[in-house]
């Protein structure tokens, strides 16, 4: 993990918390960086050590974020980070009272993520296979849609994480927790073709253990994959805004729409809290409502067609 925050943040107690996140909690690089960024922003704004920050300081900081047009979801995340920071301080007798104790949590609306239709997924996965890069891209996208894993998990996969005999993927997620996800035959087919026939051609610097490598033979990066998926979507005529996380949302939504149990989807996605997975029931409800309006003979839409309302 990067130690840039150790250099930027001079607050001794904040550093203790950062080391706790890194070593004891085992947070991923992205989660760790997001926590440190929020703490660093508060310190920069108040120009105080975190142990000296008051409730009024917190209120002014939140007002500052709001004036900068920071999204409510991002502000809510910052508040959550600060609550956890001061819980740690109280537990370790660093402070007696949290400046967050009287700060009300922001209630934000249900965030419905972008997803692709089944037809759009077919278009996205319709890649003209000519070069080793085409086979790599096909394997990556098939794997994302088949498993719903995060992009950080995808690019961290190593050869031994795939069990072809058992049709199973071992994935290490947030908090260094492993989960096992079944793989469909179609996904296995393109993974096997890529790994056996085309991956060796991309290893220009010699062998490494990562499944997906870039044009330099190194581990694929998040930004590199983002550019790949954007280019494929554009060339295949997909107008829906798409990011690597779109396929994760699409995977979960399609499972729920087709009758999958929410607990099963929770396990497959690696969510600790089922309320996080519950968002996909909202998406399923939207589809049901749309179908109802389109096809029920007494729906409002049908009555409008017939001039009854």
Protein backbone atom coordinates (compact mmCIF):
# COMPACT_ATOMS: atom_id res chain seq x y z
CA UNK A 1 0.00 0.00 0.00
CA UNK A 2 1.02 3.56 -0.66
CA UNK A 3 2.59 5.49 2.22
CA UNK A 4 1.91 8.93 0.73
CA UNK A 5 -0.55 9.66 3.55
CA UNK A 6 2.12 8.94 6.15
CA UNK A 7 4.13 11.77 4.60
CA UNK A 8 1.21 14.17 4.11
CA UNK A 9 -0.47 13.74 7.49
CA UNK A 10 1.64 14.87 10.46
CA UNK A 11 -1.06 14.14 13.05
CA UNK A 12 0.39 11.31 15.18
CA UNK A 13 -2.98 9.91 16.29
CA UNK A 14 -4.37 10.02 12.77
CA UNK A 15 -1.34 7.99 11.68
CA UNK A 16 -2.10 5.41 14.37
CA UNK A 17 -5.58 5.06 12.90
CA UNK A 18 -4.22 4.79 9.37
CA UNK A 19 -1.90 1.97 10.41
CA UNK A 20 -4.86 0.27 12.08
CA UNK A 21 -6.81 0.45 8.79
CA UNK A 22 -3.87 -0.87 6.83
CA UNK A 23 -2.60 -3.64 9.09
CA UNK A 24 -5.42 -4.77 11.36
CA UNK A 25 -8.45 -4.07 9.16
CA UNK A 26 -6.59 -5.06 5.99
CA UNK A 27 -8.47 -2.56 3.85
CA UNK A 28 -7.87 -2.54 0.11
CA UNK A 29 -5.71 0.23 -1.36
CA UNK A 30 -8.78 2.08 -2.68
CA UNK A 31 -10.70 1.93 0.62
CA UNK A 32 -7.61 2.88 2.60
CA UNK A 33 -6.93 5.84 0.31
CA UNK A 34 -10.53 7.06 0.51
CA UNK A 35 -10.44 7.03 4.34
CA UNK A 36 -7.10 8.83 4.45
CA UNK A 37 -8.27 11.39 1.89
CA UNK A 38 -11.32 12.29 4.00
CA UNK A 39 -9.22 12.64 7.17
CA UNK A 40 -6.60 14.69 5.35
CA UNK A 41 -9.29 17.02 3.94
CA UNK A 42 -10.65 17.67 7.43
CA UNK A 43 -7.17 18.44 8.77
CA UNK A 44 -6.46 20.80 5.88
CA UNK A 45 -9.73 22.66 6.43
CA UNK A 46 -9.49 23.01 10.23
CA UNK A 47 -5.70 23.32 10.42
CA UNK A 48 -5.90 21.31 13.65
CA UNK A 49 -4.86 17.91 14.91
CA UNK A 50 -7.83 15.54 14.88
CA UNK A 51 -7.82 15.31 18.69
CA UNK A 52 -8.43 19.07 18.94
CA UNK A 53 -11.31 19.25 16.47
CA UNK A 54 -14.66 20.33 17.93
CA UNK A 55 -18.27 19.79 16.96
CA UNK A 56 -18.39 23.32 15.55
CA UNK A 57 -15.34 22.54 13.42
CA UNK A 58 -17.14 19.51 12.00
CA UNK A 59 -20.27 21.55 11.24
CA UNK A 60 -18.24 24.21 9.43
CA UNK A 61 -16.40 21.51 7.49
CA UNK A 62 -19.65 19.86 6.37
CA UNK A 63 -21.03 23.26 5.35
CA UNK A 64 -17.83 23.83 3.38
CA UNK A 65 -18.31 20.52 1.52
CA UNK A 66 -21.92 21.38 0.77
CA UNK A 67 -20.98 24.77 -0.67
CA UNK A 68 -18.46 23.06 -2.95
CA UNK A 69 -21.40 21.08 -4.43
CA UNK A 70 -19.98 17.79 -3.19
CA UNK A 71 -22.57 15.06 -3.69
CA UNK A 72 -24.61 14.01 -0.66
CA UNK A 73 -23.34 10.46 -1.00
CA UNK A 74 -19.71 11.66 -0.77
CA UNK A 75 -20.48 13.85 2.24
CA UNK A 76 -22.23 10.92 3.92
CA UNK A 77 -19.13 8.80 3.29
CA UNK A 78 -16.90 11.47 4.87
CA UNK A 79 -19.15 11.58 7.93
CA UNK A 80 -19.00 7.80 8.22
CA UNK A 81 -15.19 7.88 8.04
CA UNK A 82 -14.99 10.53 10.76
CA UNK A 83 -17.38 8.62 13.03
CA UNK A 84 -15.17 5.56 12.75
CA UNK A 85 -12.05 7.64 13.41
CA UNK A 86 -13.43 9.00 16.68
CA UNK A 87 -14.80 5.61 17.73
CA UNK A 88 -11.22 4.39 17.44
CA UNK A 89 -9.97 7.36 19.49
CA UNK A 90 -12.50 6.74 22.27
CA UNK A 91 -11.77 3.01 22.36
CA UNK A 92 -8.05 3.72 22.76
CA UNK A 93 -8.56 6.59 25.26
CA UNK A 94 -7.18 9.19 22.87
CA UNK A 95 -10.25 11.44 23.31
CA UNK A 96 -13.09 11.32 25.81
CA UNK A 97 -15.90 12.63 23.61
CA UNK A 98 -16.44 12.37 19.86
CA UNK A 99 -17.14 15.67 18.06
CA UNK A 100 -19.41 13.58 15.81
CA UNK A 101 -21.78 12.47 18.57
CA UNK A 102 -24.40 15.18 17.93
CA UNK A 103 -23.92 15.38 14.17
CA UNK A 104 -26.95 13.90 12.40
CA UNK A 105 -26.40 11.41 9.62
CA UNK A 106 -27.39 12.61 6.16
CA UNK A 107 -30.32 10.67 4.77
CA UNK A 108 -29.80 10.21 1.08
CA UNK A 109 -32.21 8.77 -1.43
CA UNK A 110 -31.87 5.33 -2.92
CA UNK A 111 -29.10 5.40 -5.51
CA UNK A 112 -30.04 3.35 -8.55
CA UNK A 113 -26.92 2.49 -10.55
CA UNK A 114 -26.65 2.29 -14.31
CA UNK A 115 -27.16 -1.18 -15.70
CA UNK A 116 -27.22 -2.74 -19.14
CA UNK A 117 -30.12 -4.62 -20.66
CA UNK A 118 -29.54 -8.23 -21.70
CA UNK A 119 -29.48 -7.04 -25.32
CA UNK A 120 -26.78 -4.45 -24.50
CA UNK A 121 -24.70 -7.09 -22.73
CA UNK A 122 -24.83 -9.27 -25.84
CA UNK A 123 -23.66 -6.30 -27.92
CA UNK A 124 -20.85 -5.50 -25.48
CA UNK A 125 -19.60 -9.09 -25.48
CA UNK A 126 -19.74 -9.33 -29.26
CA UNK A 127 -16.02 -8.75 -29.82
CA UNK A 128 -14.35 -9.49 -33.13
CA UNK A 129 -11.61 -11.93 -32.08
CA UNK A 130 -8.45 -11.40 -34.10
CA UNK A 131 -5.56 -10.37 -31.83
CA UNK A 132 -4.36 -11.60 -28.39
CA UNK A 133 -5.76 -8.33 -26.98
CA UNK A 134 -9.21 -9.17 -28.37
CA UNK A 135 -9.15 -12.56 -26.64
CA UNK A 136 -7.97 -10.94 -23.41
CA UNK A 137 -10.75 -8.34 -23.55
CA UNK A 138 -13.35 -11.00 -24.32
CA UNK A 139 -12.20 -13.10 -21.34
CA UNK A 140 -12.23 -10.08 -19.00
CA UNK A 141 -15.73 -8.95 -19.94
CA UNK A 142 -17.17 -12.48 -19.90
CA UNK A 143 -15.68 -12.99 -16.44
CA UNK A 144 -17.05 -9.70 -15.10
CA UNK A 145 -20.57 -10.44 -16.32
CA UNK A 146 -20.41 -14.07 -15.15
CA UNK A 147 -19.27 -13.26 -11.61
CA UNK A 148 -20.02 -9.62 -10.75
CA UNK A 149 -16.58 -9.18 -9.20
CA UNK A 150 -15.14 -5.70 -8.65
CA UNK A 151 -12.60 -4.29 -11.10
CA UNK A 152 -9.94 -4.25 -8.37
CA UNK A 153 -10.65 -7.96 -7.83
CA UNK A 154 -10.52 -8.68 -11.56
CA UNK A 155 -7.10 -7.15 -12.14
CA UNK A 156 -5.71 -8.85 -9.01
CA UNK A 157 -6.68 -12.36 -10.12
CA UNK A 158 -3.85 -14.85 -10.49
CA UNK A 159 -3.65 -18.08 -12.46
CA UNK A 160 -4.16 -20.30 -9.42
CA UNK A 161 -7.42 -18.48 -8.56
CA UNK A 162 -9.25 -20.35 -11.33
CA UNK A 163 -10.14 -24.01 -10.87
CA UNK A 164 -11.14 -25.24 -14.31
CA UNK A 165 -12.00 -28.74 -13.08
CA UNK A 166 -14.44 -27.44 -10.47
CA UNK A 167 -15.58 -24.46 -12.60
CA UNK A 168 -14.88 -22.16 -9.66
CA UNK A 169 -13.23 -18.79 -9.10
CA UNK A 170 -11.50 -17.81 -5.88
CA UNK A 171 -11.78 -14.06 -5.34
CA UNK A 172 -10.12 -12.00 -2.62
CA UNK A 173 -12.33 -9.02 -1.81
CA UNK A 174 -12.49 -6.19 0.70
CA UNK A 175 -10.83 -6.87 4.01
CA UNK A 176 -8.77 -9.64 2.34
CA UNK A 177 -11.80 -11.95 2.58
CA UNK A 178 -11.98 -14.83 0.11
CA UNK A 179 -15.16 -15.93 -1.60
CA UNK A 180 -15.80 -18.64 -4.18
CA UNK A 181 -17.93 -17.98 -7.25
CA UNK A 182 -19.10 -20.61 -9.78
CA UNK A 183 -18.20 -20.06 -13.41
CA UNK A 184 -20.49 -20.78 -16.36
CA UNK A 185 -19.17 -22.86 -19.25
CA UNK A 186 -19.20 -19.94 -21.70
CA UNK A 187 -16.94 -17.89 -19.44
CA UNK A 188 -14.63 -20.86 -18.79
CA UNK A 189 -14.30 -21.45 -22.51
CA UNK A 190 -12.90 -17.98 -23.26
CA UNK A 191 -10.75 -17.90 -20.14
CA UNK A 192 -9.14 -21.18 -21.18
CA UNK A 193 -8.56 -20.01 -24.76
CA UNK A 194 -7.01 -16.75 -23.56
CA UNK A 195 -4.81 -18.25 -20.84
CA UNK A 196 -3.52 -21.18 -22.90
CA UNK A 197 -3.21 -19.64 -26.36
CA UNK A 198 -2.94 -15.84 -26.14
CA UNK A 199 -1.77 -14.76 -22.68
CA UNK A 200 1.77 -16.17 -23.31
CA UNK A 201 2.04 -13.86 -26.34
CA UNK A 202 1.44 -10.82 -24.12
CA UNK A 203 4.13 -11.70 -21.56
CA UNK A 204 6.91 -9.77 -23.28
CA UNK A 205 8.78 -9.28 -19.97
CA UNK A 206 8.57 -12.92 -18.91
CA UNK A 207 6.09 -14.77 -16.72
CA UNK A 208 4.05 -13.16 -13.97
CA UNK A 209 1.13 -14.59 -12.02
CA UNK A 210 -1.59 -12.10 -12.94
CA UNK A 211 -4.18 -13.44 -15.36
CA UNK A 212 -4.83 -10.18 -17.18
CA UNK A 213 -1.85 -8.20 -18.45
CA UNK A 214 -1.47 -5.01 -20.47
CA UNK A 215 0.45 -4.39 -23.68
CA UNK A 216 3.69 -4.15 -21.67
CA UNK A 217 3.17 -7.56 -20.11
CA UNK A 218 2.46 -6.06 -16.68
CA UNK A 219 -0.62 -6.36 -14.46
CA UNK A 220 -3.67 -4.69 -15.99
CA UNK A 221 -4.53 -1.38 -14.27
CA UNK A 222 -7.95 -0.01 -13.35
CA UNK A 223 -7.53 2.96 -15.67
CA UNK A 224 -6.32 0.69 -18.46
CA UNK A 225 -9.38 -1.52 -18.18
CA UNK A 226 -11.67 1.53 -17.99
CA UNK A 227 -10.33 2.74 -21.34
CA UNK A 228 -10.79 -0.73 -22.84
CA UNK A 229 -14.43 -1.09 -21.82
CA UNK A 230 -15.24 2.46 -22.95
CA UNK A 231 -13.72 1.82 -26.37
CA UNK A 232 -15.53 -1.50 -26.82
CA UNK A 233 -18.88 0.00 -25.76
CA UNK A 234 -18.46 2.91 -28.18
CA UNK A 235 -17.42 0.71 -31.10
CA UNK A 236 -20.34 -1.67 -30.44
CA UNK A 237 -22.89 1.14 -30.47
CA UNK A 238 -23.80 1.16 -26.76
CA UNK A 239 -25.02 4.61 -25.75
CA UNK A 240 -25.68 3.84 -22.07
CA UNK A 241 -23.03 5.39 -19.81
CA UNK A 242 -20.76 2.51 -18.90
CA UNK A 243 -17.92 1.94 -16.48
CA UNK A 244 -16.26 -1.25 -15.26
CA UNK A 245 -18.63 -1.25 -12.26
CA UNK A 246 -21.63 -1.24 -14.62
CA UNK A 247 -21.16 -4.95 -15.29
CA UNK A 248 -21.17 -5.69 -11.54
CA UNK A 249 -24.50 -3.88 -11.18
CA UNK A 250 -25.80 -5.59 -14.31
CA UNK A 251 -24.79 -9.05 -13.04
CA UNK A 252 -26.69 -8.52 -9.78
CA UNK A 253 -29.73 -6.92 -11.40
CA UNK A 254 -30.14 -9.69 -13.96
CA UNK A 255 -29.90 -12.32 -11.23
CA UNK A 256 -32.59 -10.61 -9.13
CA UNK A 257 -34.81 -9.98 -12.16
CA UNK A 258 -34.67 -13.68 -12.99
CA UNK A 259 -35.62 -14.79 -9.50
CA UNK A 260 -32.33 -15.19 -7.59
CA UNK A 261 -32.54 -15.03 -3.80
CA UNK A 262 -31.12 -11.79 -2.37
CA UNK A 263 -28.95 -13.71 0.11
CA UNK A 264 -27.34 -15.60 -2.75
CA UNK A 265 -26.60 -12.36 -4.59
CA UNK A 266 -25.15 -10.90 -1.38
CA UNK A 267 -22.71 -13.80 -1.05
CA UNK A 268 -21.70 -13.68 -4.72
CA UNK A 269 -21.05 -9.92 -4.56
CA UNK A 270 -19.17 -10.15 -1.26
CA UNK A 271 -21.41 -7.64 0.54
CA UNK A 272 -21.12 -7.73 4.33
CA UNK A 273 -24.50 -6.06 4.82
CA UNK A 274 -27.52 -7.32 2.87
CA UNK A 275 -28.95 -3.78 2.87
CA UNK A 276 -26.22 -2.93 0.35
CA UNK A 277 -27.51 -5.71 -1.91
CA UNK A 278 -31.10 -4.56 -1.39
CA UNK A 279 -30.65 -1.80 -3.96
CA UNK A 280 -31.13 -4.40 -6.70
CA UNK A 281 -34.66 -5.14 -5.51
CA UNK A 282 -35.48 -1.49 -6.33
CA UNK A 283 -34.20 -2.03 -9.84
CA UNK A 284 -36.26 -5.22 -10.13
CA UNK A 285 -39.34 -3.31 -8.89
CA UNK A 286 -38.82 -0.62 -11.54
CA UNK A 287 -38.82 -3.31 -14.24
CA UNK A 288 -41.94 -4.95 -12.80
CA UNK A 289 -43.70 -1.57 -12.70
CA UNK A 290 -42.70 -0.85 -16.29
CA UNK A 291 -43.94 -4.28 -17.43
CA UNK A 292 -47.20 -3.76 -15.51
CA UNK A 293 -47.79 -0.38 -17.15
CA UNK A 294 -46.99 -1.78 -20.57
CA UNK A 295 -48.97 -5.01 -20.48
CA UNK A 296 -51.83 -4.87 -17.94
CA UNK A 297 -55.11 -4.09 -19.79
CA UNK A 298 -56.25 -1.76 -16.99
CA UNK A 299 -52.95 0.06 -16.47
CA UNK A 300 -52.81 3.86 -16.67
CA UNK A 301 -50.73 3.66 -19.84
CA UNK A 302 -53.28 1.38 -21.54
CA UNK A 303 -56.14 3.65 -20.50
CA UNK A 304 -54.31 6.66 -21.92
CA UNK A 305 -53.92 4.80 -25.21
CA UNK A 306 -57.66 4.18 -25.31
CA UNK A 307 -58.53 7.74 -24.32
CA UNK A 308 -60.12 6.74 -21.01
CA UNK A 309 -58.01 9.15 -18.92
